[in-house]
Amino acid sequence: MLSVKSLTKQFGGLTAVRDVSFDIRPGEVFAVIGPNGAGKSTLFNMMTGTLKPTWGKVFIGEDEISGRRPYQIVARGVARIFQTTSLFDQLRVIDNMMIAYKWRTGLGFWNTLLHTPGWKKYQAEAFMNAMETLAFVGLAEKSEQLIPTLSQEEQKRLAIGIALVSKPKIVLLDEPTGGLIQEETDRITRLIEKIREQGITVCLIEHKMQMIMGLANRIAVLNYGEKIAEGTPDEIKNNQAVIEAYLGGEIHA
């Protein structure tokens, strides 16, 4: 589904990510874990076009996407949510969703300005897809509400919905349960399982070990910008390098 080949990112004399490689298989949940500052978000930024790699490549299938702009990568089936949720606070939930769907159309400025038949068709299509996705993430009843009225969990759900409305092949989630209590984390975990059941591949960054060990099919562990281990949850639990570098006793929490 998605392949990372020797990705490296240098900022001046600092190497934030060094020679990281892995393959994400279709239909799985692949987790990237590691302590703060391990290079996880920098890795995601290179995979989604926010940062250009110093060297290394990223492929979606046989198509190289490294170095492309984010909108070009989205068009190839890769969607992403950020660690810090960023929404249009002055707009309604449904408006945020419809804006996210806009990239799928070829409508230009004049179509929008003049409300041409093509624009009207797009509006109906966008509304239908937005509402369908809101129902999937459990926010259909909140469609007319403004963003500040949503809870933190609901804003996380909306951010995931915005990624899903683009009909991606793979979605990258950067700490989708960050700042949430256990009950909210459990609900987001069930949503991620629903996404996998729809045939969408998931790659996520998380710090909550209990969640990751129960959710992920495979895990890659970063430490100081380098991949120190990759494998199933059971393999990661028993990897001495991982235990020493990061997990310690937390794996049993």
C-alpha atoms as a PDB file:
ATOM      1  CA  MET A   1       0.000   0.000   0.000  1.00  0.00           C
ATOM      2  CA  LEU A   2       2.617   2.532   1.100  1.00  0.00           C
ATOM      3  CA  SER A   3       6.396   2.135   1.211  1.00  0.00           C
ATOM      4  CA  VAL A   4       8.952   4.320   2.997  1.00  0.00           C
ATOM      5  CA  LYS A   5      12.489   3.865   1.704  1.00  0.00           C
ATOM      6  CA  SER A   6      15.480   5.259   3.644  1.00  0.00           C
ATOM      7  CA  LEU A   7      13.707   8.498   4.603  1.00  0.00           C
ATOM      8  CA  THR A   8      16.063  11.046   6.138  1.00  0.00           C
ATOM      9  CA  LYS A   9      15.494  14.649   7.198  1.00  0.00           C
ATOM     10  CA  GLN A  10      18.232  17.043   8.260  1.00  0.00           C
ATOM     11  CA  PHE A  11      17.739  20.523   9.669  1.00  0.00           C
ATOM     12  CA  GLY A  12      21.155  22.117   9.410  1.00  0.00           C
ATOM     13  CA  GLY A  13      23.435  19.943  11.516  1.00  0.00           C
ATOM     14  CA  LEU A  14      20.533  18.107  13.193  1.00  0.00           C
ATOM     15  CA  THR A  15      19.270  14.823  11.755  1.00  0.00           C
ATOM     16  CA  ALA A  16      15.648  14.480  12.877  1.00  0.00           C
ATOM     17  CA  VAL A  17      14.961  11.243  10.947  1.00  0.00           C
ATOM     18  CA  ARG A  18      17.708   8.920   9.742  1.00  0.00           C
ATOM     19  CA  ASP A  19      17.366   6.150   7.133  1.00  0.00           C
ATOM     20  CA  VAL A  20      13.866   4.952   8.118  1.00  0.00           C
ATOM     21  CA  SER A  21      12.226   2.267   5.971  1.00  0.00           C
ATOM     22  CA  PHE A  22       9.045   0.192   6.266  1.00  0.00           C
ATOM     23  CA  ASP A  23       6.145  -1.114   4.179  1.00  0.00           C
ATOM     24  CA  ILE A  24       2.484  -0.670   5.161  1.00  0.00           C
ATOM     25  CA  ARG A  25       0.263  -3.487   3.929  1.00  0.00           C
ATOM     26  CA  PRO A  26      -3.257  -2.982   2.530  1.00  0.00           C
ATOM     27  CA  GLY A  27      -6.019  -3.122   5.133  1.00  0.00           C
ATOM     28  CA  GLU A  28      -3.838  -3.107   8.253  1.00  0.00           C
ATOM     29  CA  VAL A  29      -3.349  -0.729  11.152  1.00  0.00           C
ATOM     30  CA  PHE A  30       0.333   0.188  11.266  1.00  0.00           C
ATOM     31  CA  ALA A  31       1.543   2.166  14.292  1.00  0.00           C
ATOM     32  CA  VAL A  32       4.607   4.360  14.692  1.00  0.00           C
ATOM     33  CA  ILE A  33       5.625   4.800  18.327  1.00  0.00           C
ATOM     34  CA  GLY A  34       8.519   6.299  20.237  1.00  0.00           C
ATOM     35  CA  PRO A  35       9.292   8.918  22.890  1.00  0.00           C
ATOM     36  CA  ASN A  36       8.801  12.646  22.375  1.00  0.00           C
ATOM     37  CA  GLY A  37      11.377  13.967  19.926  1.00  0.00           C
ATOM     38  CA  ALA A  38      11.874  10.574  18.257  1.00  0.00           C
ATOM     39  CA  GLY A  39      10.995  12.019  14.824  1.00  0.00           C
ATOM     40  CA  LYS A  40       7.501  10.582  14.381  1.00  0.00           C
ATOM     41  CA  SER A  41       5.720  13.755  13.231  1.00  0.00           C
ATOM     42  CA  THR A  42       8.678  14.707  11.021  1.00  0.00           C
ATOM     43  CA  LEU A  43       8.333  11.287   9.398  1.00  0.00           C
ATOM     44  CA  PHE A  44       4.604  11.873   8.805  1.00  0.00           C
ATOM     45  CA  ASN A  45       5.360  15.323   7.379  1.00  0.00           C
ATOM     46  CA  MET A  46       7.677  13.788   4.795  1.00  0.00           C
ATOM     47  CA  MET A  47       5.175  11.049   3.962  1.00  0.00           C
ATOM     48  CA  THR A  48       2.426  13.622   3.279  1.00  0.00           C
ATOM     49  CA  GLY A  49       4.353  16.386   1.517  1.00  0.00           C
ATOM     50  CA  THR A  50       4.538  18.936   4.349  1.00  0.00           C
ATOM     51  CA  LEU A  51       8.321  18.456   4.436  1.00  0.00           C
ATOM     52  CA  LYS A  52      10.613  17.439   1.588  1.00  0.00           C
ATOM     53  CA  PRO A  53      12.990  14.604   2.513  1.00  0.00           C
ATOM     54  CA  THR A  54      16.712  15.318   2.546  1.00  0.00           C
ATOM     55  CA  TRP A  55      16.905  11.949   0.873  1.00  0.00           C
ATOM     56  CA  GLY A  56      14.875   8.788   0.614  1.00  0.00           C
ATOM     57  CA  LYS A  57      11.584   8.048  -1.132  1.00  0.00           C
ATOM     58  CA  VAL A  58       7.914   7.335  -0.421  1.00  0.00           C
ATOM     59  CA  PHE A  59       5.705   5.233  -2.695  1.00  0.00           C
ATOM     60  CA  ILE A  60       1.947   4.665  -2.831  1.00  0.00           C
ATOM     61  CA  GLY A  61       1.843   1.418  -4.762  1.00  0.00           C
ATOM     62  CA  GLU A  62       4.314   1.933  -7.617  1.00  0.00           C
ATOM     63  CA  ASP A  63       3.801   5.725  -7.683  1.00  0.00           C
ATOM     64  CA  GLU A  64       6.517   7.797  -6.004  1.00  0.00           C
ATOM     65  CA  ILE A  65       4.967  10.600  -3.947  1.00  0.00           C
ATOM     66  CA  SER A  66       8.001  11.910  -2.043  1.00  0.00           C
ATOM     67  CA  GLY A  67       8.600  15.594  -2.770  1.00  0.00           C
ATOM     68  CA  ARG A  68       5.114  16.166  -4.170  1.00  0.00           C
ATOM     69  CA  ARG A  69       2.821  18.840  -2.766  1.00  0.00           C
ATOM     70  CA  PRO A  70       0.246  17.785  -0.140  1.00  0.00           C
ATOM     71  CA  TYR A  71      -2.761  18.249  -2.475  1.00  0.00           C
ATOM     72  CA  GLN A  72      -1.078  16.016  -5.062  1.00  0.00           C
ATOM     73  CA  ILE A  73      -0.509  13.338  -2.438  1.00  0.00           C
ATOM     74  CA  VAL A  74      -4.150  13.546  -1.280  1.00  0.00           C
ATOM     75  CA  ALA A  75      -5.214  13.047  -4.899  1.00  0.00           C
ATOM     76  CA  ARG A  76      -3.263   9.775  -4.882  1.00  0.00           C
ATOM     77  CA  GLY A  77      -5.225   8.444  -1.934  1.00  0.00           C
ATOM     78  CA  VAL A  78      -3.219   9.521   1.134  1.00  0.00           C
ATOM     79  CA  ALA A  79      -5.051  11.597   3.788  1.00  0.00           C
ATOM     80  CA  ARG A  80      -3.752  12.831   7.126  1.00  0.00           C
ATOM     81  CA  ILE A  81      -4.832  14.452  10.393  1.00  0.00           C
ATOM     82  CA  PHE A  82      -2.432  16.526  12.461  1.00  0.00           C
ATOM     83  CA  GLN A  83      -1.500  16.255  16.123  1.00  0.00           C
ATOM     84  CA  THR A  84      -3.093  19.660  16.764  1.00  0.00           C
ATOM     85  CA  THR A  85      -6.660  19.726  15.429  1.00  0.00           C
ATOM     86  CA  SER A  86      -7.087  22.611  12.967  1.00  0.00           C
ATOM     87  CA  LEU A  87     -10.651  23.468  11.912  1.00  0.00           C
ATOM     88  CA  PHE A  88     -12.508  26.529  10.601  1.00  0.00           C
ATOM     89  CA  ASP A  89     -13.892  27.730  13.928  1.00  0.00           C
ATOM     90  CA  GLN A  90     -16.277  30.308  12.461  1.00  0.00           C
ATOM     91  CA  LEU A  91     -18.017  27.752  10.252  1.00  0.00           C
ATOM     92  CA  ARG A  92     -20.428  24.902  10.892  1.00  0.00           C
ATOM     93  CA  VAL A  93     -19.442  21.268  11.049  1.00  0.00           C
ATOM     94  CA  ILE A  94     -21.035  20.589   7.635  1.00  0.00           C
ATOM     95  CA  ASP A  95     -19.169  23.536   6.082  1.00  0.00           C
ATOM     96  CA  ASN A  96     -15.821  22.137   7.232  1.00  0.00           C
ATOM     97  CA  MET A  97     -16.689  18.800   5.659  1.00  0.00           C
ATOM     98  CA  MET A  98     -17.818  20.301   2.354  1.00  0.00           C
ATOM     99  CA  ILE A  99     -14.654  22.390   2.069  1.00  0.00           C
ATOM    100  CA  ALA A 100     -12.626  19.206   2.539  1.00  0.00           C
ATOM    101  CA  TYR A 101     -14.570  17.562  -0.310  1.00  0.00           C
ATOM    102  CA  LYS A 102     -13.924  20.511  -2.677  1.00  0.00           C
ATOM    103  CA  TRP A 103     -10.602  19.161  -4.003  1.00  0.00           C
ATOM    104  CA  ARG A 104     -12.436  16.296  -5.742  1.00  0.00           C
ATOM    105  CA  THR A 105     -14.051  18.704  -8.210  1.00  0.00           C
ATOM    106  CA  GLY A 106     -12.590  20.660 -11.113  1.00  0.00           C
ATOM    107  CA  LEU A 107     -14.722  23.724 -10.443  1.00  0.00           C
ATOM    108  CA  GLY A 108     -13.007  27.058 -10.893  1.00  0.00           C
ATOM    109  CA  PHE A 109     -13.621  30.605  -9.722  1.00  0.00           C
ATOM    110  CA  TRP A 110     -16.306  31.513 -12.271  1.00  0.00           C
ATOM    111  CA  ASN A 111     -18.371  28.392 -11.652  1.00  0.00           C
ATOM    112  CA  THR A 112     -18.458  29.245  -7.975  1.00  0.00           C
ATOM    113  CA  LEU A 113     -19.130  32.939  -8.512  1.00  0.00           C
ATOM    114  CA  LEU A 114     -21.955  32.424 -11.029  1.00  0.00           C
ATOM    115  CA  HIS A 115     -23.476  29.356  -9.381  1.00  0.00           C
ATOM    116  CA  THR A 116     -23.456  27.421 -12.656  1.00  0.00           C
ATOM    117  CA  PRO A 117     -25.264  24.072 -13.076  1.00  0.00           C
ATOM    118  CA  GLY A 118     -21.931  22.357 -12.448  1.00  0.00           C
ATOM    119  CA  TRP A 119     -21.563  24.219  -9.159  1.00  0.00           C
ATOM    120  CA  LYS A 120     -25.100  23.266  -8.090  1.00  0.00           C
ATOM    121  CA  LYS A 121     -24.422  19.617  -8.898  1.00  0.00           C
ATOM    122  CA  TYR A 122     -21.220  19.786  -6.854  1.00  0.00           C
ATOM    123  CA  GLN A 123     -23.055  21.301  -3.877  1.00  0.00           C
ATOM    124  CA  ALA A 124     -25.565  18.455  -3.823  1.00  0.00           C
ATOM    125  CA  GLU A 125     -22.841  15.834  -4.212  1.00  0.00           C
ATOM    126  CA  ALA A 126     -20.632  17.425  -1.556  1.00  0.00           C
ATOM    127  CA  PHE A 127     -23.494  17.708   0.929  1.00  0.00           C
ATOM    128  CA  MET A 128     -24.479  14.078   0.439  1.00  0.00           C
ATOM    129  CA  ASN A 129     -20.923  12.800   0.908  1.00  0.00           C
ATOM    130  CA  ALA A 130     -20.304  15.112   3.860  1.00  0.00           C
ATOM    131  CA  MET A 131     -23.416  13.918   5.686  1.00  0.00           C
ATOM    132  CA  GLU A 132     -22.609  10.286   4.934  1.00  0.00           C
ATOM    133  CA  THR A 133     -19.138  10.722   6.437  1.00  0.00           C
ATOM    134  CA  LEU A 134     -20.486  12.629   9.440  1.00  0.00           C
ATOM    135  CA  ALA A 135     -22.840   9.735  10.125  1.00  0.00           C
ATOM    136  CA  PHE A 136     -19.892   7.328   9.909  1.00  0.00           C
ATOM    137  CA  VAL A 137     -17.861   9.261  12.521  1.00  0.00           C
ATOM    138  CA  GLY A 138     -20.920   9.805  14.739  1.00  0.00           C
ATOM    139  CA  LEU A 139     -21.467  13.524  14.151  1.00  0.00           C
ATOM    140  CA  ALA A 140     -24.508  13.677  11.852  1.00  0.00           C
ATOM    141  CA  GLU A 141     -26.627  15.300  14.566  1.00  0.00           C
ATOM    142  CA  LYS A 142     -23.948  17.998  15.029  1.00  0.00           C
ATOM    143  CA  SER A 143     -23.836  19.039  11.359  1.00  0.00           C
ATOM    144  CA  GLU A 144     -25.334  22.521  11.898  1.00  0.00           C
ATOM    145  CA  GLN A 145     -23.280  23.377  14.982  1.00  0.00           C
ATOM    146  CA  LEU A 146     -20.300  25.726  15.040  1.00  0.00           C
ATOM    147  CA  ILE A 147     -16.900  24.210  15.814  1.00  0.00           C
ATOM    148  CA  PRO A 148     -16.420  25.842  19.270  1.00  0.00           C
ATOM    149  CA  THR A 149     -19.541  24.046  20.542  1.00  0.00           C
ATOM    150  CA  LEU A 150     -17.924  20.625  19.967  1.00  0.00           C
ATOM    151  CA  SER A 151     -16.062  18.719  22.656  1.00  0.00           C
ATOM    152  CA  GLN A 152     -12.399  17.839  22.137  1.00  0.00           C
ATOM    153  CA  GLU A 153     -13.346  14.278  21.227  1.00  0.00           C
ATOM    154  CA  GLU A 154     -15.929  15.510  18.704  1.00  0.00           C
ATOM    155  CA  GLN A 155     -13.336  17.787  17.114  1.00  0.00           C
ATOM    156  CA  LYS A 156     -10.997  14.790  16.806  1.00  0.00           C
ATOM    157  CA  ARG A 157     -13.816  12.838  15.159  1.00  0.00           C
ATOM    158  CA  LEU A 158     -14.479  15.704  12.758  1.00  0.00           C
ATOM    159  CA  ALA A 159     -10.797  15.906  11.811  1.00  0.00           C
ATOM    160  CA  ILE A 160     -10.865  12.178  11.035  1.00  0.00           C
ATOM    161  CA  GLY A 161     -14.057  12.699   9.022  1.00  0.00           C
ATOM    162  CA  ILE A 162     -12.412  15.488   7.021  1.00  0.00           C
ATOM    163  CA  ALA A 163      -9.643  13.050   6.098  1.00  0.00           C
ATOM    164  CA  LEU A 164     -12.133  10.310   5.207  1.00  0.00           C
ATOM    165  CA  VAL A 165     -14.367  12.475   2.991  1.00  0.00           C
ATOM    166  CA  SER A 166     -11.553  12.581   0.433  1.00  0.00           C
ATOM    167  CA  LYS A 167     -12.084   8.806  -0.065  1.00  0.00           C
ATOM    168  CA  PRO A 168      -8.474   7.855   0.763  1.00  0.00           C
ATOM    169  CA  LYS A 169      -6.761   4.500   0.335  1.00  0.00           C
ATOM    170  CA  ILE A 170      -4.728   5.140   3.480  1.00  0.00           C
ATOM    171  CA  VAL A 171      -5.219   7.603   6.333  1.00  0.00           C
ATOM    172  CA  LEU A 172      -2.417   8.822   8.606  1.00  0.00           C
ATOM    173  CA  LEU A 173      -3.505   9.772  12.129  1.00  0.00           C
ATOM    174  CA  ASP A 174      -1.100  11.793  14.290  1.00  0.00           C
ATOM    175  CA  GLU A 175      -2.063  11.166  17.947  1.00  0.00           C
ATOM    176  CA  PRO A 176      -5.829  10.862  17.333  1.00  0.00           C
ATOM    177  CA  THR A 177      -6.493  10.333  21.059  1.00  0.00           C
ATOM    178  CA  GLY A 178      -4.093  12.953  22.417  1.00  0.00           C
ATOM    179  CA  GLY A 179      -5.606  14.790  25.403  1.00  0.00           C
ATOM    180  CA  LEU A 180      -8.586  12.447  25.695  1.00  0.00           C
ATOM    181  CA  ILE A 181      -9.660  10.482  28.756  1.00  0.00           C
ATOM    182  CA  GLN A 182      -9.873   6.677  28.669  1.00  0.00           C
ATOM    183  CA  GLU A 183     -13.579   6.497  27.780  1.00  0.00           C
ATOM    184  CA  GLU A 184     -13.059   8.905  24.866  1.00  0.00           C
ATOM    185  CA  THR A 185      -9.932   7.011  23.785  1.00  0.00           C
ATOM    186  CA  ASP A 186     -11.943   3.788  23.668  1.00  0.00           C
ATOM    187  CA  ARG A 187     -14.537   5.404  21.392  1.00  0.00           C
ATOM    188  CA  ILE A 188     -11.883   6.736  18.991  1.00  0.00           C
ATOM    189  CA  THR A 189     -10.277   3.281  18.999  1.00  0.00           C
ATOM    190  CA  ARG A 190     -13.592   1.747  17.921  1.00  0.00           C
ATOM    191  CA  LEU A 191     -13.850   4.363  15.156  1.00  0.00           C
ATOM    192  CA  ILE A 192     -10.388   3.413  13.867  1.00  0.00           C
ATOM    193  CA  GLU A 193     -11.478  -0.236  13.856  1.00  0.00           C
ATOM    194  CA  LYS A 194     -14.537   0.766  11.792  1.00  0.00           C
ATOM    195  CA  ILE A 195     -12.243   2.546   9.323  1.00  0.00           C
ATOM    196  CA  ARG A 196     -10.163  -0.609   8.929  1.00  0.00           C
ATOM    197  CA  GLU A 197     -13.343  -2.655   8.426  1.00  0.00           C
ATOM    198  CA  GLN A 198     -14.183  -0.354   5.489  1.00  0.00           C
ATOM    199  CA  GLY A 199     -10.975  -1.484   3.789  1.00  0.00           C
ATOM    200  CA  ILE A 200      -9.048   1.723   4.465  1.00  0.00           C
ATOM    201  CA  THR A 201      -5.464   1.244   5.596  1.00  0.00           C
ATOM    202  CA  VAL A 202      -4.498   3.140   8.758  1.00  0.00           C
ATOM    203  CA  CYS A 203      -1.119   4.415   9.912  1.00  0.00           C
ATOM    204  CA  LEU A 204      -1.037   6.174  13.261  1.00  0.00           C
ATOM    205  CA  ILE A 205       1.267   7.783  15.785  1.00  0.00           C
ATOM    206  CA  GLU A 206       0.296   7.218  19.403  1.00  0.00           C
ATOM    207  CA  HIS A 207       1.736   7.265  22.921  1.00  0.00           C
ATOM    208  CA  LYS A 208      -0.989   5.167  24.562  1.00  0.00           C
ATOM    209  CA  MET A 209       0.567   1.743  24.679  1.00  0.00           C
ATOM    210  CA  GLN A 210      -2.470  -0.213  25.823  1.00  0.00           C
ATOM    211  CA  MET A 211      -4.457   1.160  22.902  1.00  0.00           C
ATOM    212  CA  ILE A 212      -1.706   0.443  20.353  1.00  0.00           C
ATOM    213  CA  MET A 213      -1.069  -3.103  21.540  1.00  0.00           C
ATOM    214  CA  GLY A 214      -4.734  -3.966  21.157  1.00  0.00           C
ATOM    215  CA  LEU A 215      -5.286  -2.167  17.850  1.00  0.00           C
ATOM    216  CA  ALA A 216      -2.213  -2.356  15.629  1.00  0.00           C
ATOM    217  CA  ASN A 217      -1.338  -5.243  13.357  1.00  0.00           C
ATOM    218  CA  ARG A 218       2.297  -4.146  13.232  1.00  0.00           C
ATOM    219  CA  ILE A 219       4.391  -1.478  14.944  1.00  0.00           C
ATOM    220  CA  ALA A 220       7.544   0.466  14.064  1.00  0.00           C
ATOM    221  CA  VAL A 221       9.509   2.001  16.940  1.00  0.00           C
ATOM    222  CA  LEU A 222      11.587   5.165  16.515  1.00  0.00           C
ATOM    223  CA  ASN A 223      14.224   6.440  18.909  1.00  0.00           C
ATOM    224  CA  TYR A 224      16.403   9.500  18.246  1.00  0.00           C
ATOM    225  CA  GLY A 225      15.176   9.541  14.644  1.00  0.00           C
ATOM    226  CA  GLU A 226      16.111   5.946  13.856  1.00  0.00           C
ATOM    227  CA  LYS A 227      13.949   2.843  13.563  1.00  0.00           C
ATOM    228  CA  ILE A 228      15.065   0.439  16.294  1.00  0.00           C
ATOM    229  CA  ALA A 229      12.399  -2.241  15.845  1.00  0.00           C
ATOM    230  CA  GLU A 230       9.466  -3.373  13.721  1.00  0.00           C
ATOM    231  CA  GLY A 231       7.027  -6.216  14.254  1.00  0.00           C
ATOM    232  CA  THR A 232       3.774  -7.428  15.737  1.00  0.00           C
ATOM    233  CA  PRO A 233       2.654  -6.158  19.161  1.00  0.00           C
ATOM    234  CA  ASP A 234       3.917  -9.372  20.791  1.00  0.00           C
ATOM    235  CA  GLU A 235       7.300  -9.021  19.095  1.00  0.00           C
ATOM    236  CA  ILE A 236       7.587  -5.382  20.179  1.00  0.00           C
ATOM    237  CA  LYS A 237       6.638  -6.247  23.771  1.00  0.00           C
ATOM    238  CA  ASN A 238       9.505  -8.713  23.952  1.00  0.00           C
ATOM    239  CA  ASN A 239      12.127  -6.715  22.042  1.00  0.00           C
ATOM    240  CA  GLN A 240      14.938  -5.898  24.470  1.00  0.00           C
ATOM    241  CA  ALA A 241      16.102  -2.823  22.526  1.00  0.00           C
ATOM    242  CA  VAL A 242      12.582  -1.377  22.670  1.00  0.00           C
ATOM    243  CA  ILE A 243      12.218  -2.132  26.362  1.00  0.00           C
ATOM    244  CA  GLU A 244      15.512  -0.427  27.157  1.00  0.00           C
ATOM    245  CA  ALA A 245      14.985   2.572  24.876  1.00  0.00           C
ATOM    246  CA  TYR A 246      11.319   3.366  25.417  1.00  0.00           C
ATOM    247  CA  LEU A 247       8.744   1.008  26.803  1.00  0.00           C
ATOM    248  CA  GLY A 248      10.199  -0.162  30.090  1.00  0.00           C
ATOM    249  CA  GLY A 249       7.387  -1.185  32.415  1.00  0.00           C
ATOM    250  CA  GLU A 250       4.777   0.879  30.546  1.00  0.00           C
ATOM    251  CA  ILE A 251       3.909  -1.997  28.243  1.00  0.00           C
ATOM    252  CA  HIS A 252       2.022  -3.713  31.077  1.00  0.00           C
ATOM    253  CA  ALA A 253       0.097  -0.579  32.137  1.00  0.00           C
END
